[in-house]
PDB file of N, CA and C in Angstrom:
ATOM      1  N   MET A   1     -38.747  12.463  17.655  1.00  0.00           N
ATOM      2  CA  MET A   1     -37.278  13.404  18.275  1.00  0.00           C
ATOM      3  C   MET A   1     -37.137  12.589  18.892  1.00  0.00           C
ATOM      4  N   MET A   2     -35.143  12.210  18.992  1.00  0.00           N
ATOM      5  CA  MET A   2     -34.674  11.513  19.739  1.00  0.00           C
ATOM      6  C   MET A   2     -33.768  11.858  20.946  1.00  0.00           C
ATOM      7  N   ASP A   3     -33.573  11.484  22.015  1.00  0.00           N
ATOM      8  CA  ASP A   3     -33.348  11.588  23.185  1.00  0.00           C
ATOM      9  C   ASP A   3     -31.594  12.339  22.792  1.00  0.00           C
ATOM     10  N   SER A   4     -31.724  13.928  23.351  1.00  0.00           N
ATOM     11  CA  SER A   4     -30.404  13.703  22.894  1.00  0.00           C
ATOM     12  C   SER A   4     -29.006  13.350  23.648  1.00  0.00           C
ATOM     13  N   SER A   5     -30.101  13.184  24.981  1.00  0.00           N
ATOM     14  CA  SER A   5     -29.108  12.158  26.406  1.00  0.00           C
ATOM     15  C   SER A   5     -29.028  11.117  25.872  1.00  0.00           C
ATOM     16  N   LYS A   6     -29.069  10.429  23.967  1.00  0.00           N
ATOM     17  CA  LYS A   6     -28.832   9.130  23.801  1.00  0.00           C
ATOM     18  C   LYS A   6     -28.217   9.077  22.929  1.00  0.00           C
ATOM     19  N   LEU A   7     -27.016  10.238  22.493  1.00  0.00           N
ATOM     20  CA  LEU A   7     -25.867  10.236  21.445  1.00  0.00           C
ATOM     21  C   LEU A   7     -24.547  10.296  22.034  1.00  0.00           C
ATOM     22  N   GLY A   8     -24.471   8.910  21.166  1.00  0.00           N
ATOM     23  CA  GLY A   8     -23.219   9.356  22.066  1.00  0.00           C
ATOM     24  C   GLY A   8     -22.826   7.871  22.388  1.00  0.00           C
ATOM     25  N   ARG A   9     -23.839   7.336  22.938  1.00  0.00           N
ATOM     26  CA  ARG A   9     -23.619   5.788  23.549  1.00  0.00           C
ATOM     27  C   ARG A   9     -22.826   4.301  22.644  1.00  0.00           C
ATOM     28  N   LEU A  10     -22.905   4.866  21.699  1.00  0.00           N
ATOM     29  CA  LEU A  10     -22.422   3.944  21.300  1.00  0.00           C
ATOM     30  C   LEU A  10     -21.067   3.702  20.657  1.00  0.00           C
ATOM     31  N   ASN A  11     -20.037   5.159  21.441  1.00  0.00           N
ATOM     32  CA  ASN A  11     -18.775   5.582  21.086  1.00  0.00           C
ATOM     33  C   ASN A  11     -17.830   4.365  21.285  1.00  0.00           C
ATOM     34  N   GLY A  12     -17.258   4.282  20.771  1.00  0.00           N
ATOM     35  CA  GLY A  12     -16.167   3.059  21.062  1.00  0.00           C
ATOM     36  C   GLY A  12     -16.955   1.330  20.109  1.00  0.00           C
ATOM     37  N   LYS A  13     -18.311   1.468  19.688  1.00  0.00           N
ATOM     38  CA  LYS A  13     -18.411   0.069  19.168  1.00  0.00           C
ATOM     39  C   LYS A  13     -18.826   0.111  17.648  1.00  0.00           C
ATOM     40  N   VAL A  14     -18.056  -1.162  17.758  1.00  0.00           N
ATOM     41  CA  VAL A  14     -18.477  -1.704  16.303  1.00  0.00           C
ATOM     42  C   VAL A  14     -20.422  -2.082  15.704  1.00  0.00           C
ATOM     43  N   GLY A  15     -20.646  -1.663  14.594  1.00  0.00           N
ATOM     44  CA  GLY A  15     -22.529  -2.406  14.440  1.00  0.00           C
ATOM     45  C   GLY A  15     -22.046  -2.634  12.491  1.00  0.00           C
ATOM     46  N   LEU A  16     -22.733  -4.130  12.502  1.00  0.00           N
ATOM     47  CA  LEU A  16     -22.160  -4.224  11.358  1.00  0.00           C
ATOM     48  C   LEU A  16     -23.532  -4.146  11.024  1.00  0.00           C
ATOM     49  N   ILE A  17     -23.889  -4.087   9.877  1.00  0.00           N
ATOM     50  CA  ILE A  17     -25.448  -3.990   9.397  1.00  0.00           C
ATOM     51  C   ILE A  17     -25.597  -4.366   8.231  1.00  0.00           C
ATOM     52  N   THR A  18     -26.547  -5.067   8.209  1.00  0.00           N
ATOM     53  CA  THR A  18     -26.728  -5.782   6.475  1.00  0.00           C
ATOM     54  C   THR A  18     -28.354  -5.839   5.860  1.00  0.00           C
ATOM     55  N   GLY A  19     -28.235  -5.333   4.857  1.00  0.00           N
ATOM     56  CA  GLY A  19     -28.945  -4.914   4.088  1.00  0.00           C
ATOM     57  C   GLY A  19     -29.044  -3.109   4.306  1.00  0.00           C
ATOM     58  N   ALA A  20     -28.089  -2.976   4.625  1.00  0.00           N
ATOM     59  CA  ALA A  20     -27.540  -1.531   4.321  1.00  0.00           C
ATOM     60  C   ALA A  20     -27.798  -0.423   2.908  1.00  0.00           C
ATOM     61  N   ALA A  21     -27.983   0.086   2.418  1.00  0.00           N
ATOM     62  CA  ALA A  21     -28.117  -0.001   1.094  1.00  0.00           C
ATOM     63  C   ALA A  21     -29.105   0.576   0.543  1.00  0.00           C
ATOM     64  N   SER A  22     -30.308  -0.263   1.716  1.00  0.00           N
ATOM     65  CA  SER A  22     -31.484   0.693   1.806  1.00  0.00           C
ATOM     66  C   SER A  22     -32.558   0.202   3.127  1.00  0.00           C
ATOM     67  N   GLY A  23     -33.211   1.654   3.103  1.00  0.00           N
ATOM     68  CA  GLY A  23     -35.005   0.809   3.857  1.00  0.00           C
ATOM     69  C   GLY A  23     -34.238   0.652   5.423  1.00  0.00           C
ATOM     70  N   ILE A  24     -34.550  -0.490   5.692  1.00  0.00           N
ATOM     71  CA  ILE A  24     -34.218  -1.075   7.391  1.00  0.00           C
ATOM     72  C   ILE A  24     -32.549  -0.386   7.917  1.00  0.00           C
ATOM     73  N   GLY A  25     -32.296  -1.308   7.234  1.00  0.00           N
ATOM     74  CA  GLY A  25     -30.238  -1.271   7.319  1.00  0.00           C
ATOM     75  C   GLY A  25     -29.950   0.688   6.758  1.00  0.00           C
ATOM     76  N   LEU A  26     -30.628   1.193   6.051  1.00  0.00           N
ATOM     77  CA  LEU A  26     -30.148   2.303   5.529  1.00  0.00           C
ATOM     78  C   LEU A  26     -30.310   2.974   6.130  1.00  0.00           C
ATOM     79  N   ALA A  27     -31.626   2.954   7.947  1.00  0.00           N
ATOM     80  CA  ALA A  27     -31.893   4.579   8.686  1.00  0.00           C
ATOM     81  C   ALA A  27     -31.284   3.588   9.565  1.00  0.00           C
ATOM     82  N   THR A  28     -30.567   2.023   9.918  1.00  0.00           N
ATOM     83  CA  THR A  28     -29.779   1.593  11.063  1.00  0.00           C
ATOM     84  C   THR A  28     -28.805   2.148  11.177  1.00  0.00           C
ATOM     85  N   ALA A  29     -28.292   2.056   9.797  1.00  0.00           N
ATOM     86  CA  ALA A  29     -26.448   2.884   9.601  1.00  0.00           C
ATOM     87  C   ALA A  29     -26.281   4.171  10.136  1.00  0.00           C
ATOM     88  N   LYS A  30     -27.639   5.090  10.156  1.00  0.00           N
ATOM     89  CA  LYS A  30     -27.748   6.519  10.169  1.00  0.00           C
ATOM     90  C   LYS A  30     -27.667   7.001  11.148  1.00  0.00           C
ATOM     91  N   MET A  31     -28.536   5.861  11.893  1.00  0.00           N
ATOM     92  CA  MET A  31     -28.557   5.899  13.583  1.00  0.00           C
ATOM     93  C   MET A  31     -27.352   5.935  14.424  1.00  0.00           C
ATOM     94  N   MET A  32     -27.198   5.115  13.984  1.00  0.00           N
ATOM     95  CA  MET A  32     -25.676   4.345  15.241  1.00  0.00           C
ATOM     96  C   MET A  32     -24.390   5.489  14.126  1.00  0.00           C
ATOM     97  N   LEU A  33     -24.737   6.102  13.521  1.00  0.00           N
ATOM     98  CA  LEU A  33     -23.490   6.891  13.341  1.00  0.00           C
ATOM     99  C   LEU A  33     -23.998   8.165  13.932  1.00  0.00           C
ATOM    100  N   LEU A  34     -25.190   8.197  14.456  1.00  0.00           N
ATOM    101  CA  LEU A  34     -25.435   9.023  15.151  1.00  0.00           C
ATOM    102  C   LEU A  34     -24.880   9.047  16.622  1.00  0.00           C
ATOM    103  N   GLN A  35     -25.218   8.393  16.858  1.00  0.00           N
ATOM    104  CA  GLN A  35     -25.028   7.933  18.565  1.00  0.00           C
ATOM    105  C   GLN A  35     -23.519   7.365  18.113  1.00  0.00           C
ATOM    106  N   ASP A  36     -22.469   7.808  17.257  1.00  0.00           N
ATOM    107  CA  ASP A  36     -21.056   7.863  17.709  1.00  0.00           C
ATOM    108  C   ASP A  36     -20.244   6.551  17.205  1.00  0.00           C
ATOM    109  N   ALA A  37     -20.991   5.211  17.064  1.00  0.00           N
ATOM    110  CA  ALA A  37     -20.794   4.010  16.543  1.00  0.00           C
ATOM    111  C   ALA A  37     -19.767   4.374  15.368  1.00  0.00           C
ATOM    112  N   THR A  38     -18.902   3.265  15.220  1.00  0.00           N
ATOM    113  CA  THR A  38     -17.706   2.766  13.673  1.00  0.00           C
ATOM    114  C   THR A  38     -19.259   1.676  12.915  1.00  0.00           C
ATOM    115  N   ILE A  39     -19.375   2.336  11.866  1.00  0.00           N
ATOM    116  CA  ILE A  39     -20.211   0.775  10.930  1.00  0.00           C
ATOM    117  C   ILE A  39     -19.674   0.130  10.291  1.00  0.00           C
ATOM    118  N   ILE A  40     -20.152  -0.870  10.072  1.00  0.00           N
ATOM    119  CA  ILE A  40     -19.270  -1.861   8.575  1.00  0.00           C
ATOM    120  C   ILE A  40     -21.008  -1.963   8.314  1.00  0.00           C
ATOM    121  N   ILE A  41     -21.745  -1.225   6.696  1.00  0.00           N
ATOM    122  CA  ILE A  41     -22.947  -1.772   6.481  1.00  0.00           C
ATOM    123  C   ILE A  41     -22.412  -2.747   4.868  1.00  0.00           C
ATOM    124  N   THR A  42     -23.247  -3.130   4.857  1.00  0.00           N
ATOM    125  CA  THR A  42     -23.083  -5.451   4.144  1.00  0.00           C
ATOM    126  C   THR A  42     -23.981  -5.042   3.407  1.00  0.00           C
ATOM    127  N   ASP A  43     -24.244  -5.041   1.887  1.00  0.00           N
ATOM    128  CA  ASP A  43     -25.040  -5.538   1.162  1.00  0.00           C
ATOM    129  C   ASP A  43     -25.067  -6.483  -0.163  1.00  0.00           C
ATOM    130  N   VAL A  44     -25.742  -6.677  -1.068  1.00  0.00           N
ATOM    131  CA  VAL A  44     -25.525  -7.566  -2.176  1.00  0.00           C
ATOM    132  C   VAL A  44     -25.418  -6.955  -3.381  1.00  0.00           C
ATOM    133  N   GLN A  45     -26.177  -5.481  -2.631  1.00  0.00           N
ATOM    134  CA  GLN A  45     -25.795  -4.304  -3.651  1.00  0.00           C
ATOM    135  C   GLN A  45     -24.384  -3.400  -3.640  1.00  0.00           C
ATOM    136  N   ILE A  46     -23.486  -3.909  -4.585  1.00  0.00           N
ATOM    137  CA  ILE A  46     -21.950  -3.285  -4.546  1.00  0.00           C
ATOM    138  C   ILE A  46     -22.136  -2.233  -4.387  1.00  0.00           C
ATOM    139  N   GLU A  47     -22.049  -1.389  -5.405  1.00  0.00           N
ATOM    140  CA  GLU A  47     -21.917   0.094  -6.181  1.00  0.00           C
ATOM    141  C   GLU A  47     -22.926   0.817  -5.073  1.00  0.00           C
ATOM    142  N   LYS A  48     -23.733   0.647  -4.959  1.00  0.00           N
ATOM    143  CA  LYS A  48     -24.622   1.311  -3.507  1.00  0.00           C
ATOM    144  C   LYS A  48     -24.246   1.552  -2.924  1.00  0.00           C
ATOM    145  N   GLY A  49     -24.166   0.200  -2.124  1.00  0.00           N
ATOM    146  CA  GLY A  49     -23.793   0.061  -1.016  1.00  0.00           C
ATOM    147  C   GLY A  49     -22.156   1.297  -0.730  1.00  0.00           C
ATOM    148  N   GLN A  50     -21.289   1.003  -1.796  1.00  0.00           N
ATOM    149  CA  GLN A  50     -20.069   1.573  -1.916  1.00  0.00           C
ATOM    150  C   GLN A  50     -19.699   2.890  -1.584  1.00  0.00           C
ATOM    151  N   LYS A  51     -20.850   3.407  -2.768  1.00  0.00           N
ATOM    152  CA  LYS A  51     -21.299   4.943  -2.992  1.00  0.00           C
ATOM    153  C   LYS A  51     -21.968   5.739  -1.518  1.00  0.00           C
ATOM    154  N   LEU A  52     -22.536   4.658  -0.855  1.00  0.00           N
ATOM    155  CA  LEU A  52     -23.022   5.370   0.727  1.00  0.00           C
ATOM    156  C   LEU A  52     -22.201   5.657   1.643  1.00  0.00           C
ATOM    157  N   ALA A  53     -21.493   4.024   1.470  1.00  0.00           N
ATOM    158  CA  ALA A  53     -20.300   4.354   2.888  1.00  0.00           C
ATOM    159  C   ALA A  53     -19.471   5.632   2.891  1.00  0.00           C
ATOM    160  N   ARG A  54     -19.284   6.134   1.356  1.00  0.00           N
ATOM    161  CA  ARG A  54     -18.426   7.282   0.942  1.00  0.00           C
ATOM    162  C   ARG A  54     -18.780   7.841   1.546  1.00  0.00           C
ATOM    163  N   LYS A  55     -20.062   8.259   1.564  1.00  0.00           N
ATOM    164  CA  LYS A  55     -21.699   9.482   1.952  1.00  0.00           C
ATOM    165  C   LYS A  55     -21.233   9.704   2.993  1.00  0.00           C
ATOM    166  N   LEU A  56     -21.461   8.306   3.992  1.00  0.00           N
ATOM    167  CA  LEU A  56     -22.088   8.525   5.343  1.00  0.00           C
ATOM    168  C   LEU A  56     -20.411   8.902   6.316  1.00  0.00           C
ATOM    169  N   GLY A  57     -19.422   8.470   5.437  1.00  0.00           N
ATOM    170  CA  GLY A  57     -18.294   9.434   5.943  1.00  0.00           C
ATOM    171  C   GLY A  57     -16.838   8.781   6.571  1.00  0.00           C
ATOM    172  N   GLU A  58     -15.808   8.733   7.167  1.00  0.00           N
ATOM    173  CA  GLU A  58     -14.893   7.912   7.747  1.00  0.00           C
ATOM    174  C   GLU A  58     -14.651   7.139   8.563  1.00  0.00           C
ATOM    175  N   ASN A  59     -16.063   7.030   8.935  1.00  0.00           N
ATOM    176  CA  ASN A  59     -16.659   6.147  10.192  1.00  0.00           C
ATOM    177  C   ASN A  59     -17.350   4.553   9.610  1.00  0.00           C
ATOM    178  N   ALA A  60     -17.564   4.725   8.637  1.00  0.00           N
ATOM    179  CA  ALA A  60     -18.411   3.551   7.768  1.00  0.00           C
ATOM    180  C   ALA A  60     -17.788   3.038   7.000  1.00  0.00           C
ATOM    181  N   SER A  61     -18.041   1.779   6.864  1.00  0.00           N
ATOM    182  CA  SER A  61     -17.043   1.368   5.184  1.00  0.00           C
ATOM    183  C   SER A  61     -18.356  -0.047   4.945  1.00  0.00           C
ATOM    184  N   PHE A  62     -17.925   0.031   3.986  1.00  0.00           N
ATOM    185  CA  PHE A  62     -19.000  -1.702   3.224  1.00  0.00           C
ATOM    186  C   PHE A  62     -17.928  -2.284   3.143  1.00  0.00           C
ATOM    187  N   ILE A  63     -18.820  -3.619   2.871  1.00  0.00           N
ATOM    188  CA  ILE A  63     -18.059  -5.364   3.003  1.00  0.00           C
ATOM    189  C   ILE A  63     -19.183  -5.598   2.183  1.00  0.00           C
ATOM    190  N   PRO A  64     -19.313  -6.649   1.032  1.00  0.00           N
ATOM    191  CA  PRO A  64     -20.672  -7.178   0.512  1.00  0.00           C
ATOM    192  C   PRO A  64     -20.704  -7.980   1.321  1.00  0.00           C
ATOM    193  N   LEU A  65     -21.922  -8.906   1.397  1.00  0.00           N
ATOM    194  CA  LEU A  65     -22.264  -9.408   1.855  1.00  0.00           C
ATOM    195  C   LEU A  65     -23.440 -10.399   1.459  1.00  0.00           C
ATOM    196  N   ASP A  66     -23.657 -11.432   0.843  1.00  0.00           N
ATOM    197  CA  ASP A  66     -25.142 -12.161   0.518  1.00  0.00           C
ATOM    198  C   ASP A  66     -25.629 -13.059   1.546  1.00  0.00           C
ATOM    199  N   VAL A  67     -25.985 -12.287   2.604  1.00  0.00           N
ATOM    200  CA  VAL A  67     -26.528 -12.802   4.062  1.00  0.00           C
ATOM    201  C   VAL A  67     -26.839 -14.655   3.906  1.00  0.00           C
ATOM    202  N   ARG A  68     -27.139 -15.269   2.881  1.00  0.00           N
ATOM    203  CA  ARG A  68     -27.902 -16.189   2.135  1.00  0.00           C
ATOM    204  C   ARG A  68     -26.384 -17.085   2.289  1.00  0.00           C
ATOM    205  N   LEU A  69     -24.753 -16.851   2.277  1.00  0.00           N
ATOM    206  CA  LEU A  69     -23.797 -17.773   1.922  1.00  0.00           C
ATOM    207  C   LEU A  69     -22.523 -17.695   3.006  1.00  0.00           C
ATOM    208  N   GLU A  70     -22.744 -18.441   3.915  1.00  0.00           N
ATOM    209  CA  GLU A  70     -21.909 -18.871   4.621  1.00  0.00           C
ATOM    210  C   GLU A  70     -20.581 -18.735   5.232  1.00  0.00           C
ATOM    211  N   GLU A  71     -19.899 -18.170   3.785  1.00  0.00           N
ATOM    212  CA  GLU A  71     -18.254 -18.197   3.083  1.00  0.00           C
ATOM    213  C   GLU A  71     -18.327 -16.787   3.078  1.00  0.00           C
ATOM    214  N   HIS A  72     -19.508 -16.041   2.246  1.00  0.00           N
ATOM    215  CA  HIS A  72     -20.091 -14.271   3.077  1.00  0.00           C
ATOM    216  C   HIS A  72     -19.972 -14.517   4.170  1.00  0.00           C
ATOM    217  N   TRP A  73     -20.067 -14.153   4.983  1.00  0.00           N
ATOM    218  CA  TRP A  73     -20.080 -14.449   6.977  1.00  0.00           C
ATOM    219  C   TRP A  73     -18.607 -14.367   7.018  1.00  0.00           C
ATOM    220  N   LYS A  74     -18.084 -16.232   6.578  1.00  0.00           N
ATOM    221  CA  LYS A  74     -16.993 -16.303   6.908  1.00  0.00           C
ATOM    222  C   LYS A  74     -16.048 -15.121   6.686  1.00  0.00           C
ATOM    223  N   SER A  75     -16.212 -14.434   5.071  1.00  0.00           N
ATOM    224  CA  SER A  75     -14.695 -13.624   4.887  1.00  0.00           C
ATOM    225  C   SER A  75     -15.452 -12.023   5.741  1.00  0.00           C
ATOM    226  N   VAL A  76     -16.857 -11.762   6.405  1.00  0.00           N
ATOM    227  CA  VAL A  76     -17.253 -10.175   6.864  1.00  0.00           C
ATOM    228  C   VAL A  76     -15.936  -9.867   8.214  1.00  0.00           C
ATOM    229  N   ILE A  77     -16.553 -11.730   8.395  1.00  0.00           N
ATOM    230  CA  ILE A  77     -15.999 -11.234   9.680  1.00  0.00           C
ATOM    231  C   ILE A  77     -14.314 -11.447   9.965  1.00  0.00           C
ATOM    232  N   ASN A  78     -13.703 -12.176   8.655  1.00  0.00           N
ATOM    233  CA  ASN A  78     -12.424 -12.071   8.876  1.00  0.00           C
ATOM    234  C   ASN A  78     -11.620 -11.110   9.008  1.00  0.00           C
ATOM    235  N   GLN A  79     -12.401  -9.766   7.517  1.00  0.00           N
ATOM    236  CA  GLN A  79     -11.908  -8.661   7.377  1.00  0.00           C
ATOM    237  C   GLN A  79     -12.297  -7.705   8.516  1.00  0.00           C
ATOM    238  N   ILE A  80     -13.416  -7.979   9.943  1.00  0.00           N
ATOM    239  CA  ILE A  80     -13.191  -7.344  10.166  1.00  0.00           C
ATOM    240  C   ILE A  80     -12.750  -7.590  11.300  1.00  0.00           C
ATOM    241  N   GLU A  81     -12.009  -8.733  11.754  1.00  0.00           N
ATOM    242  CA  GLU A  81     -11.088  -8.788  12.493  1.00  0.00           C
ATOM    243  C   GLU A  81      -9.625  -8.396  12.350  1.00  0.00           C
ATOM    244  N   ALA A  82      -9.602  -8.734  10.926  1.00  0.00           N
ATOM    245  CA  ALA A  82      -8.427  -7.682  10.507  1.00  0.00           C
ATOM    246  C   ALA A  82      -8.256  -6.593  10.651  1.00  0.00           C
ATOM    247  N   SER A  83      -8.496  -5.478  10.654  1.00  0.00           N
ATOM    248  CA  SER A  83      -9.377  -4.420  10.171  1.00  0.00           C
ATOM    249  C   SER A  83      -8.539  -3.890  11.854  1.00  0.00           C
TER     250      SER A  83
END
């Protein structure tokens, strides 16, 4: 069980999570939201990632990312900096 004194410790922070459409990435996204972070979830599974971001709420957004491609990383960083 999570220590409730830790809730909110990510307030004002932005988390970038790769592979967030499932598995460990999804679990990480949920934990970061519970701790009041704003999260950017990324994955190659675009439709699944978009649906997940909508489901997770206003503090979550989705950006497609194939971690193998440098140009994808540049695009993600540019989008985050622009927002």
